[in-house]
PDB file of N, CA and C in Angstrom:
ATOM      1  N   MET A   1      -7.147 -10.912 -14.689  1.00  0.00           N
ATOM      2  CA  MET A   1      -5.853 -10.768 -15.392  1.00  0.00           C
ATOM      3  C   MET A   1      -6.690  -9.128 -16.162  1.00  0.00           C
ATOM      4  N   ALA A   2      -4.986  -8.725 -15.957  1.00  0.00           N
ATOM      5  CA  ALA A   2      -4.813  -6.881 -16.561  1.00  0.00           C
ATOM      6  C   ALA A   2      -5.202  -6.854 -18.234  1.00  0.00           C
ATOM      7  N   LYS A   3      -5.832  -6.044 -18.474  1.00  0.00           N
ATOM      8  CA  LYS A   3      -6.209  -5.652 -19.699  1.00  0.00           C
ATOM      9  C   LYS A   3      -4.738  -5.372 -20.321  1.00  0.00           C
ATOM     10  N   GLN A   4      -4.319  -5.663 -21.986  1.00  0.00           N
ATOM     11  CA  GLN A   4      -3.446  -5.236 -22.282  1.00  0.00           C
ATOM     12  C   GLN A   4      -3.680  -3.965 -23.368  1.00  0.00           C
ATOM     13  N   TRP A   5      -2.698  -2.911 -23.302  1.00  0.00           N
ATOM     14  CA  TRP A   5      -3.639  -1.732 -24.414  1.00  0.00           C
ATOM     15  C   TRP A   5      -2.430  -1.551 -25.337  1.00  0.00           C
ATOM     16  N   ALA A   6      -2.676  -1.188 -26.529  1.00  0.00           N
ATOM     17  CA  ALA A   6      -1.752  -0.875 -27.848  1.00  0.00           C
ATOM     18  C   ALA A   6      -1.967   0.672 -27.598  1.00  0.00           C
ATOM     19  N   ILE A   7      -0.920   1.359 -27.214  1.00  0.00           N
ATOM     20  CA  ILE A   7      -0.867   2.549 -27.942  1.00  0.00           C
ATOM     21  C   ILE A   7       0.149   3.043 -28.918  1.00  0.00           C
ATOM     22  N   LYS A   8      -0.197   3.652 -29.796  1.00  0.00           N
ATOM     23  CA  LYS A   8       0.725   4.215 -30.610  1.00  0.00           C
ATOM     24  C   LYS A   8       0.862   5.367 -30.901  1.00  0.00           C
ATOM     25  N   PHE A   9       2.335   5.988 -31.077  1.00  0.00           N
ATOM     26  CA  PHE A   9       2.889   7.150 -30.918  1.00  0.00           C
ATOM     27  C   PHE A   9       3.771   7.321 -32.135  1.00  0.00           C
ATOM     28  N   THR A  10       3.787   8.467 -32.858  1.00  0.00           N
ATOM     29  CA  THR A  10       4.489   9.517 -33.492  1.00  0.00           C
ATOM     30  C   THR A  10       5.815  10.077 -32.745  1.00  0.00           C
ATOM     31  N   VAL A  11       7.128   9.761 -33.622  1.00  0.00           N
ATOM     32  CA  VAL A  11       8.051  10.853 -32.897  1.00  0.00           C
ATOM     33  C   VAL A  11       8.686  11.360 -34.548  1.00  0.00           C
ATOM     34  N   GLN A  12       9.617  12.451 -34.170  1.00  0.00           N
ATOM     35  CA  GLN A  12      10.061  12.569 -35.659  1.00  0.00           C
ATOM     36  C   GLN A  12      11.307  13.791 -35.274  1.00  0.00           C
ATOM     37  N   PRO A  13      12.308  14.169 -36.190  1.00  0.00           N
ATOM     38  CA  PRO A  13      13.570  14.908 -35.891  1.00  0.00           C
ATOM     39  C   PRO A  13      12.884  16.352 -35.271  1.00  0.00           C
ATOM     40  N   MET A  14      13.433  16.969 -34.459  1.00  0.00           N
ATOM     41  CA  MET A  14      13.081  18.253 -34.265  1.00  0.00           C
ATOM     42  C   MET A  14      13.205  19.216 -35.356  1.00  0.00           C
ATOM     43  N   ARG A  15      14.297  19.274 -36.140  1.00  0.00           N
ATOM     44  CA  ARG A  15      14.621  20.078 -37.068  1.00  0.00           C
ATOM     45  C   ARG A  15      14.389  19.135 -38.806  1.00  0.00           C
ATOM     46  N   LYS A  16      14.584  19.476 -39.621  1.00  0.00           N
ATOM     47  CA  LYS A  16      14.260  18.862 -40.700  1.00  0.00           C
ATOM     48  C   LYS A  16      15.518  18.605 -41.274  1.00  0.00           C
ATOM     49  N   VAL A  17      16.385  17.761 -40.587  1.00  0.00           N
ATOM     50  CA  VAL A  17      17.374  17.801 -40.741  1.00  0.00           C
ATOM     51  C   VAL A  17      17.869  15.922 -40.870  1.00  0.00           C
ATOM     52  N   PRO A  18      18.181  14.905 -41.693  1.00  0.00           N
ATOM     53  CA  PRO A  18      18.329  13.565 -41.397  1.00  0.00           C
ATOM     54  C   PRO A  18      19.004  13.630 -39.743  1.00  0.00           C
ATOM     55  N   ARG A  19      18.463  12.625 -38.912  1.00  0.00           N
ATOM     56  CA  ARG A  19      18.938  12.340 -37.938  1.00  0.00           C
ATOM     57  C   ARG A  19      18.942  10.997 -37.874  1.00  0.00           C
ATOM     58  N   ALA A  20      20.192  10.866 -36.827  1.00  0.00           N
ATOM     59  CA  ALA A  20      20.465   8.820 -36.318  1.00  0.00           C
ATOM     60  C   ALA A  20      18.831   8.378 -35.232  1.00  0.00           C
ATOM     61  N   PHE A  21      18.155   7.371 -35.726  1.00  0.00           N
ATOM     62  CA  PHE A  21      16.949   7.167 -34.800  1.00  0.00           C
ATOM     63  C   PHE A  21      17.809   6.542 -33.682  1.00  0.00           C
ATOM     64  N   PRO A  22      17.436   6.754 -32.547  1.00  0.00           N
ATOM     65  CA  PRO A  22      17.816   6.154 -31.224  1.00  0.00           C
ATOM     66  C   PRO A  22      17.102   4.668 -30.960  1.00  0.00           C
ATOM     67  N   ILE A  23      17.674   4.011 -31.681  1.00  0.00           N
ATOM     68  CA  ILE A  23      17.553   2.587 -31.189  1.00  0.00           C
ATOM     69  C   ILE A  23      17.342   1.727 -29.492  1.00  0.00           C
ATOM     70  N   ASP A  24      17.932   2.850 -28.877  1.00  0.00           N
ATOM     71  CA  ASP A  24      17.804   2.031 -27.913  1.00  0.00           C
ATOM     72  C   ASP A  24      16.502   2.377 -26.679  1.00  0.00           C
ATOM     73  N   MET A  25      16.258   3.900 -27.861  1.00  0.00           N
ATOM     74  CA  MET A  25      14.461   4.285 -26.749  1.00  0.00           C
ATOM     75  C   MET A  25      13.622   3.331 -27.536  1.00  0.00           C
ATOM     76  N   LEU A  26      13.575   1.871 -28.017  1.00  0.00           N
ATOM     77  CA  LEU A  26      12.539   1.129 -27.873  1.00  0.00           C
ATOM     78  C   LEU A  26      12.657   0.249 -27.172  1.00  0.00           C
ATOM     79  N   SER A  27      13.699  -0.127 -26.673  1.00  0.00           N
ATOM     80  CA  SER A  27      13.563  -0.856 -25.162  1.00  0.00           C
ATOM     81  C   SER A  27      13.695   0.261 -23.762  1.00  0.00           C
ATOM     82  N   TYR A  28      13.903   1.490 -23.989  1.00  0.00           N
ATOM     83  CA  TYR A  28      13.730   2.084 -23.066  1.00  0.00           C
ATOM     84  C   TYR A  28      12.139   2.577 -22.847  1.00  0.00           C
ATOM     85  N   ASP A  29      11.687   2.691 -24.074  1.00  0.00           N
ATOM     86  CA  ASP A  29      10.135   3.206 -23.750  1.00  0.00           C
ATOM     87  C   ASP A  29       8.882   1.778 -24.050  1.00  0.00           C
ATOM     88  N   SER A  30       9.957   0.957 -24.333  1.00  0.00           N
ATOM     89  CA  SER A  30       9.051  -0.816 -24.444  1.00  0.00           C
ATOM     90  C   SER A  30       8.434  -0.806 -25.631  1.00  0.00           C
ATOM     91  N   CYS A  31       8.975  -0.285 -26.702  1.00  0.00           N
ATOM     92  CA  CYS A  31       8.080  -0.275 -27.965  1.00  0.00           C
ATOM     93  C   CYS A  31       8.669  -0.711 -29.349  1.00  0.00           C
ATOM     94  N   TYR A  32       7.816  -0.835 -30.198  1.00  0.00           N
ATOM     95  CA  TYR A  32       8.465  -1.204 -31.696  1.00  0.00           C
ATOM     96  C   TYR A  32       7.760  -0.444 -32.671  1.00  0.00           C
ATOM     97  N   PRO A  33       8.584  -0.584 -33.808  1.00  0.00           N
ATOM     98  CA  PRO A  33       8.173   0.185 -34.642  1.00  0.00           C
ATOM     99  C   PRO A  33       6.723  -0.429 -35.418  1.00  0.00           C
ATOM    100  N   SER A  34       5.952   0.437 -35.868  1.00  0.00           N
ATOM    101  CA  SER A  34       4.398   0.145 -36.667  1.00  0.00           C
ATOM    102  C   SER A  34       4.356  -0.705 -37.240  1.00  0.00           C
ATOM    103  N   ASN A  35       3.534  -1.669 -37.656  1.00  0.00           N
ATOM    104  CA  ASN A  35       3.725  -3.064 -38.467  1.00  0.00           C
ATOM    105  C   ASN A  35       3.140  -2.178 -39.995  1.00  0.00           C
ATOM    106  N   ASP A  36       3.417  -0.666 -40.408  1.00  0.00           N
ATOM    107  CA  ASP A  36       2.821  -0.355 -41.445  1.00  0.00           C
ATOM    108  C   ASP A  36       3.582  -0.323 -42.203  1.00  0.00           C
ATOM    109  N   GLY A  37       4.715  -1.199 -42.784  1.00  0.00           N
ATOM    110  CA  GLY A  37       5.974  -1.065 -43.530  1.00  0.00           C
ATOM    111  C   GLY A  37       6.765  -0.021 -43.723  1.00  0.00           C
ATOM    112  N   HIS A  38       6.109   1.318 -43.793  1.00  0.00           N
ATOM    113  CA  HIS A  38       6.998   2.580 -43.829  1.00  0.00           C
ATOM    114  C   HIS A  38       7.808   2.730 -42.798  1.00  0.00           C
ATOM    115  N   SER A  39       7.311   2.284 -41.617  1.00  0.00           N
ATOM    116  CA  SER A  39       8.349   2.865 -40.377  1.00  0.00           C
ATOM    117  C   SER A  39       9.179   1.417 -39.889  1.00  0.00           C
ATOM    118  N   VAL A  40       8.897   0.561 -40.408  1.00  0.00           N
ATOM    119  CA  VAL A  40       9.582  -0.789 -39.705  1.00  0.00           C
ATOM    120  C   VAL A  40      10.888  -0.751 -41.507  1.00  0.00           C
ATOM    121  N   GLY A  41      10.668  -0.374 -42.230  1.00  0.00           N
ATOM    122  CA  GLY A  41      11.296  -0.529 -43.350  1.00  0.00           C
ATOM    123  C   GLY A  41      12.099   0.099 -43.875  1.00  0.00           C
ATOM    124  N   ARG A  42      11.849   1.486 -42.906  1.00  0.00           N
ATOM    125  CA  ARG A  42      13.803   2.589 -42.930  1.00  0.00           C
ATOM    126  C   ARG A  42      14.195   2.187 -41.893  1.00  0.00           C
ATOM    127  N   ILE A  43      13.905   1.445 -40.738  1.00  0.00           N
ATOM    128  CA  ILE A  43      15.104   1.270 -39.749  1.00  0.00           C
ATOM    129  C   ILE A  43      15.469  -0.146 -40.333  1.00  0.00           C
ATOM    130  N   ILE A  44      14.873  -1.035 -40.953  1.00  0.00           N
ATOM    131  CA  ILE A  44      15.298  -2.372 -41.262  1.00  0.00           C
ATOM    132  C   ILE A  44      16.700  -1.792 -42.633  1.00  0.00           C
ATOM    133  N   GLU A  45      16.211  -1.321 -43.518  1.00  0.00           N
ATOM    134  CA  GLU A  45      17.409  -0.712 -44.559  1.00  0.00           C
ATOM    135  C   GLU A  45      18.227  -0.026 -44.135  1.00  0.00           C
ATOM    136  N   SER A  46      17.852   0.560 -42.909  1.00  0.00           N
ATOM    137  CA  SER A  46      19.146   1.575 -43.084  1.00  0.00           C
ATOM    138  C   SER A  46      20.467   0.440 -42.242  1.00  0.00           C
ATOM    139  N   MET A  47      20.041  -0.725 -41.623  1.00  0.00           N
ATOM    140  CA  MET A  47      20.625  -1.348 -40.715  1.00  0.00           C
ATOM    141  C   MET A  47      21.462  -3.049 -41.884  1.00  0.00           C
ATOM    142  N   ASP A  48      20.313  -3.091 -43.225  1.00  0.00           N
ATOM    143  CA  ASP A  48      20.777  -3.714 -44.066  1.00  0.00           C
ATOM    144  C   ASP A  48      21.619  -3.522 -45.312  1.00  0.00           C
ATOM    145  N   GLN A  49      21.724  -2.375 -45.715  1.00  0.00           N
ATOM    146  CA  GLN A  49      22.416  -1.533 -46.247  1.00  0.00           C
ATOM    147  C   GLN A  49      23.290  -0.758 -46.128  1.00  0.00           C
ATOM    148  N   GLY A  50      23.628  -0.782 -45.071  1.00  0.00           N
ATOM    149  CA  GLY A  50      24.390   0.284 -44.369  1.00  0.00           C
ATOM    150  C   GLY A  50      24.955   1.834 -44.931  1.00  0.00           C
ATOM    151  N   ILE A  51      23.571   2.156 -44.956  1.00  0.00           N
ATOM    152  CA  ILE A  51      23.006   3.754 -44.909  1.00  0.00           C
ATOM    153  C   ILE A  51      23.264   4.806 -43.422  1.00  0.00           C
ATOM    154  N   SER A  52      24.340   5.285 -43.860  1.00  0.00           N
ATOM    155  CA  SER A  52      25.034   5.927 -42.372  1.00  0.00           C
ATOM    156  C   SER A  52      23.727   6.481 -41.868  1.00  0.00           C
ATOM    157  N   ALA A  53      23.911   6.403 -40.605  1.00  0.00           N
ATOM    158  CA  ALA A  53      22.580   6.541 -39.593  1.00  0.00           C
ATOM    159  C   ALA A  53      22.808   8.264 -39.558  1.00  0.00           C
ATOM    160  N   LYS A  54      23.701   9.093 -39.854  1.00  0.00           N
ATOM    161  CA  LYS A  54      23.104  10.336 -40.036  1.00  0.00           C
ATOM    162  C   LYS A  54      22.613  10.701 -41.543  1.00  0.00           C
ATOM    163  N   ASP A  55      22.625  10.009 -42.150  1.00  0.00           N
ATOM    164  CA  ASP A  55      21.636  10.062 -43.063  1.00  0.00           C
ATOM    165  C   ASP A  55      20.316   9.339 -42.825  1.00  0.00           C
ATOM    166  N   PHE A  56      19.868   8.876 -42.107  1.00  0.00           N
ATOM    167  CA  PHE A  56      18.948   7.996 -42.301  1.00  0.00           C
ATOM    168  C   PHE A  56      17.413   9.014 -41.687  1.00  0.00           C
ATOM    169  N   VAL A  57      16.752   9.411 -40.934  1.00  0.00           N
ATOM    170  CA  VAL A  57      15.720   9.927 -40.370  1.00  0.00           C
ATOM    171  C   VAL A  57      15.632  10.929 -40.717  1.00  0.00           C
ATOM    172  N   ILE A  58      14.354  11.594 -41.827  1.00  0.00           N
ATOM    173  CA  ILE A  58      14.087  12.554 -41.898  1.00  0.00           C
ATOM    174  C   ILE A  58      12.338  13.145 -41.641  1.00  0.00           C
ATOM    175  N   GLU A  59      11.743  11.791 -41.755  1.00  0.00           N
ATOM    176  CA  GLU A  59      10.410  11.738 -41.584  1.00  0.00           C
ATOM    177  C   GLU A  59       9.672  11.308 -40.183  1.00  0.00           C
ATOM    178  N   PRO A  60       8.702  11.368 -39.779  1.00  0.00           N
ATOM    179  CA  PRO A  60       8.011  11.024 -38.718  1.00  0.00           C
ATOM    180  C   PRO A  60       7.920   9.076 -38.585  1.00  0.00           C
ATOM    181  N   ILE A  61       8.293   8.635 -37.530  1.00  0.00           N
ATOM    182  CA  ILE A  61       8.228   7.256 -37.195  1.00  0.00           C
ATOM    183  C   ILE A  61       6.936   7.079 -36.592  1.00  0.00           C
ATOM    184  N   THR A  62       5.977   6.144 -37.103  1.00  0.00           N
ATOM    185  CA  THR A  62       5.036   5.833 -35.982  1.00  0.00           C
ATOM    186  C   THR A  62       5.342   4.256 -35.074  1.00  0.00           C
ATOM    187  N   LEU A  63       5.801   4.264 -33.694  1.00  0.00           N
ATOM    188  CA  LEU A  63       5.924   3.374 -32.710  1.00  0.00           C
ATOM    189  C   LEU A  63       4.533   3.061 -32.173  1.00  0.00           C
ATOM    190  N   VAL A  64       4.624   1.333 -31.388  1.00  0.00           N
ATOM    191  CA  VAL A  64       4.062   1.143 -30.361  1.00  0.00           C
ATOM    192  C   VAL A  64       4.188   0.419 -29.523  1.00  0.00           C
ATOM    193  N   HIS A  65       3.341   0.956 -28.222  1.00  0.00           N
ATOM    194  CA  HIS A  65       3.896   0.781 -26.835  1.00  0.00           C
ATOM    195  C   HIS A  65       2.563  -0.396 -26.477  1.00  0.00           C
ATOM    196  N   LEU A  66       2.891  -1.764 -26.047  1.00  0.00           N
ATOM    197  CA  LEU A  66       1.824  -2.297 -25.148  1.00  0.00           C
ATOM    198  C   LEU A  66       1.824  -2.440 -23.896  1.00  0.00           C
ATOM    199  N   SER A  67       0.754  -1.887 -23.592  1.00  0.00           N
ATOM    200  CA  SER A  67       0.968  -2.103 -22.026  1.00  0.00           C
ATOM    201  C   SER A  67      -0.165  -2.429 -21.250  1.00  0.00           C
ATOM    202  N   HIS A  68       0.297  -3.326 -20.316  1.00  0.00           N
ATOM    203  CA  HIS A  68      -0.593  -4.164 -19.320  1.00  0.00           C
ATOM    204  C   HIS A  68      -1.136  -3.426 -18.189  1.00  0.00           C
ATOM    205  N   GLY A  69      -2.609  -3.149 -18.279  1.00  0.00           N
ATOM    206  CA  GLY A  69      -3.653  -2.364 -17.265  1.00  0.00           C
ATOM    207  C   GLY A  69      -2.924  -1.470 -17.510  1.00  0.00           C
ATOM    208  N   ASN A  70      -2.524  -0.413 -18.004  1.00  0.00           N
ATOM    209  CA  ASN A  70      -2.253   1.282 -17.751  1.00  0.00           C
ATOM    210  C   ASN A  70      -2.405   2.035 -19.319  1.00  0.00           C
ATOM    211  N   ARG A  71      -3.975   2.187 -19.570  1.00  0.00           N
ATOM    212  CA  ARG A  71      -4.363   2.520 -20.712  1.00  0.00           C
ATOM    213  C   ARG A  71      -3.617   3.880 -20.923  1.00  0.00           C
ATOM    214  N   ASN A  72      -3.141   4.911 -19.575  1.00  0.00           N
ATOM    215  CA  ASN A  72      -2.835   6.344 -19.612  1.00  0.00           C
ATOM    216  C   ASN A  72      -1.363   6.405 -19.669  1.00  0.00           C
ATOM    217  N   TRP A  73      -0.359   5.374 -20.413  1.00  0.00           N
ATOM    218  CA  TRP A  73       0.924   5.681 -20.448  1.00  0.00           C
ATOM    219  C   TRP A  73       1.319   6.207 -21.554  1.00  0.00           C
ATOM    220  N   THR A  74       2.340   7.262 -21.318  1.00  0.00           N
ATOM    221  CA  THR A  74       3.123   8.225 -22.654  1.00  0.00           C
ATOM    222  C   THR A  74       4.471   8.000 -22.489  1.00  0.00           C
ATOM    223  N   PRO A  75       4.943   8.161 -23.737  1.00  0.00           N
ATOM    224  CA  PRO A  75       6.222   8.114 -24.105  1.00  0.00           C
ATOM    225  C   PRO A  75       7.183   9.064 -23.458  1.00  0.00           C
ATOM    226  N   THR A  76       8.339   8.900 -23.071  1.00  0.00           N
ATOM    227  CA  THR A  76       9.179   9.680 -22.106  1.00  0.00           C
ATOM    228  C   THR A  76       9.334  10.878 -23.195  1.00  0.00           C
ATOM    229  N   ASN A  77       8.763  11.777 -23.013  1.00  0.00           N
ATOM    230  CA  ASN A  77       9.278  13.146 -24.387  1.00  0.00           C
ATOM    231  C   ASN A  77      10.371  13.608 -23.654  1.00  0.00           C
ATOM    232  N   ALA A  78      11.054  14.126 -22.792  1.00  0.00           N
ATOM    233  CA  ALA A  78      12.169  14.522 -22.409  1.00  0.00           C
ATOM    234  C   ALA A  78      13.072  13.534 -22.485  1.00  0.00           C
ATOM    235  N   ARG A  79      13.030  12.453 -22.929  1.00  0.00           N
ATOM    236  CA  ARG A  79      14.446  11.582 -23.318  1.00  0.00           C
ATOM    237  C   ARG A  79      13.952  11.621 -24.938  1.00  0.00           C
ATOM    238  N   TRP A  80      12.927  11.523 -25.470  1.00  0.00           N
ATOM    239  CA  TRP A  80      13.204  11.581 -26.729  1.00  0.00           C
ATOM    240  C   TRP A  80      13.816  13.119 -27.377  1.00  0.00           C
ATOM    241  N   GLU A  81      13.349  14.289 -26.768  1.00  0.00           N
ATOM    242  CA  GLU A  81      13.984  15.064 -27.078  1.00  0.00           C
ATOM    243  C   GLU A  81      15.850  15.333 -26.933  1.00  0.00           C
ATOM    244  N   SER A  82      15.873  14.597 -25.575  1.00  0.00           N
ATOM    245  CA  SER A  82      17.411  14.609 -25.677  1.00  0.00           C
ATOM    246  C   SER A  82      18.174  13.891 -27.200  1.00  0.00           C
ATOM    247  N   PHE A  83      17.694  13.157 -27.759  1.00  0.00           N
ATOM    248  CA  PHE A  83      17.895  12.549 -28.634  1.00  0.00           C
ATOM    249  C   PHE A  83      17.865  13.772 -30.111  1.00  0.00           C
ATOM    250  N   GLY A  84      16.976  14.678 -29.765  1.00  0.00           N
ATOM    251  CA  GLY A  84      16.529  15.239 -30.770  1.00  0.00           C
ATOM    252  C   GLY A  84      15.042  14.887 -31.772  1.00  0.00           C
ATOM    253  N   PHE A  85      14.225  14.484 -31.036  1.00  0.00           N
ATOM    254  CA  PHE A  85      13.390  13.716 -31.535  1.00  0.00           C
ATOM    255  C   PHE A  85      11.979  14.738 -30.660  1.00  0.00           C
ATOM    256  N   ASN A  86      10.878  14.635 -31.756  1.00  0.00           N
ATOM    257  CA  ASN A  86       9.660  15.603 -30.560  1.00  0.00           C
ATOM    258  C   ASN A  86       8.798  14.037 -30.684  1.00  0.00           C
ATOM    259  N   VAL A  87       8.025  14.006 -29.592  1.00  0.00           N
ATOM    260  CA  VAL A  87       6.564  12.996 -29.871  1.00  0.00           C
ATOM    261  C   VAL A  87       5.174  13.984 -30.401  1.00  0.00           C
ATOM    262  N   VAL A  88       5.018  13.491 -31.634  1.00  0.00           N
ATOM    263  CA  VAL A  88       3.902  14.566 -32.089  1.00  0.00           C
ATOM    264  C   VAL A  88       2.473  14.549 -32.336  1.00  0.00           C
ATOM    265  N   ASN A  89       2.068  12.949 -31.532  1.00  0.00           N
ATOM    266  CA  ASN A  89       1.049  12.523 -32.148  1.00  0.00           C
ATOM    267  C   ASN A  89       1.070  11.065 -30.869  1.00  0.00           C
ATOM    268  N   ILE A  90       0.154  11.040 -29.991  1.00  0.00           N
ATOM    269  CA  ILE A  90      -0.051   9.844 -29.391  1.00  0.00           C
ATOM    270  C   ILE A  90      -1.568   9.894 -29.612  1.00  0.00           C
ATOM    271  N   GLN A  91      -1.985   8.284 -30.159  1.00  0.00           N
ATOM    272  CA  GLN A  91      -3.246   8.401 -30.207  1.00  0.00           C
ATOM    273  C   GLN A  91      -3.776   7.480 -28.653  1.00  0.00           C
ATOM    274  N   GLN A  92      -5.130   7.548 -29.018  1.00  0.00           N
ATOM    275  CA  GLN A  92      -5.686   6.856 -27.787  1.00  0.00           C
ATOM    276  C   GLN A  92      -5.406   5.387 -27.634  1.00  0.00           C
ATOM    277  N   ALA A  93      -5.573   4.580 -26.878  1.00  0.00           N
ATOM    278  CA  ALA A  93      -5.222   3.316 -26.312  1.00  0.00           C
ATOM    279  C   ALA A  93      -6.306   2.678 -26.951  1.00  0.00           C
ATOM    280  N   LYS A  94      -6.166   1.539 -27.448  1.00  0.00           N
ATOM    281  CA  LYS A  94      -6.585   0.124 -27.870  1.00  0.00           C
ATOM    282  C   LYS A  94      -6.699  -0.726 -27.118  1.00  0.00           C
ATOM    283  N   GLU A  95      -8.007  -1.435 -26.755  1.00  0.00           N
ATOM    284  CA  GLU A  95      -7.438  -3.007 -25.853  1.00  0.00           C
ATOM    285  C   GLU A  95      -7.287  -3.629 -27.129  1.00  0.00           C
ATOM    286  N   CYS A  96      -6.285  -4.727 -26.994  1.00  0.00           N
ATOM    287  CA  CYS A  96      -5.765  -5.650 -27.861  1.00  0.00           C
ATOM    288  C   CYS A  96      -6.282  -6.933 -27.290  1.00  0.00           C
TER     289      CYS A  96
END
């Protein structure tokens, strides 16, 4: 059976202005918000309290991708950039 790797990476808006978080990128890159409470909380809060998406993301958000057998997986930088976000940190893969 192939090993499973957890790869954390951080995305942030390219400019210091609020941006809508591209929710569809979670499925595109097969990732989910890090369970640090900070990232999860900002996404859930914006959906539950009706905060306008344009007023939402101004700080980095940490995400996690679980890779089956590929410890060298990387996020799709060009696609994140098309939504106005930069991938600013990719941590070394950790075996799960």
